[in-house]
Amino acid sequence: MPGSLFDIRGKVVLITGGNKGIGYALASGMASAGARIAIANRNAASGEAGAGPEEALATLKREIERLRAELPGMGSEGERLAAIVERVGEQQRTTIPAFIAARPVLVSRLGLAGVARLMDSFAAAERQINRAWSAAADEVEAEAVASLERAVGLLGEAEGRLGGRV
């Protein structure tokens, strides 16, 4: 209904608690209707999406890079594999869902085509992260480490697309 009282295209909508549940559904719907979405979280522990997708993506990349850098200094293969399972698993439970929860914000900022390009890179990185976890759980260290290395490159590509550089 262009020009109607309920037309929200181009309007900025502030959603509190927009990283999950009803708030997320509202943010998604309003973004689909053309609104620009701002999400505010009262409780920082409820998700990093409130801090923004840039922060979630940077955190994910930084944590994977830190893990890769620390692996050579760990004493045994078992210790390295356990670190990959534990630390990658933590990212799978926290930072990855926080980034994905920011889709309404990303759509309002980048448009559907921009989000599609960004998510191509992010999904490829996520597959490599998941592969690293699986390989470590299966005790295949070389594949786990190689998957982490590929993930870092893909996360850098995603950062570039989020910043509009790619």
Foldseek 3Di string as FASTA:
>chain_A
DPPDPPQQAAAEDEFEPCLDDPNVVVLQVSLVSHHAYQYAYPDCVVAVLNVPLLVLLVVVLVLLVVLLVCLVVDDDLLVNLVCLLVSLVVNVVGSVSSNVSNVSNLCNVQNPVLVVQLVVLVVQLVVLSVQLNVCSVVSNNVSNSVSSVVSSVSSVVSSCSSVPND
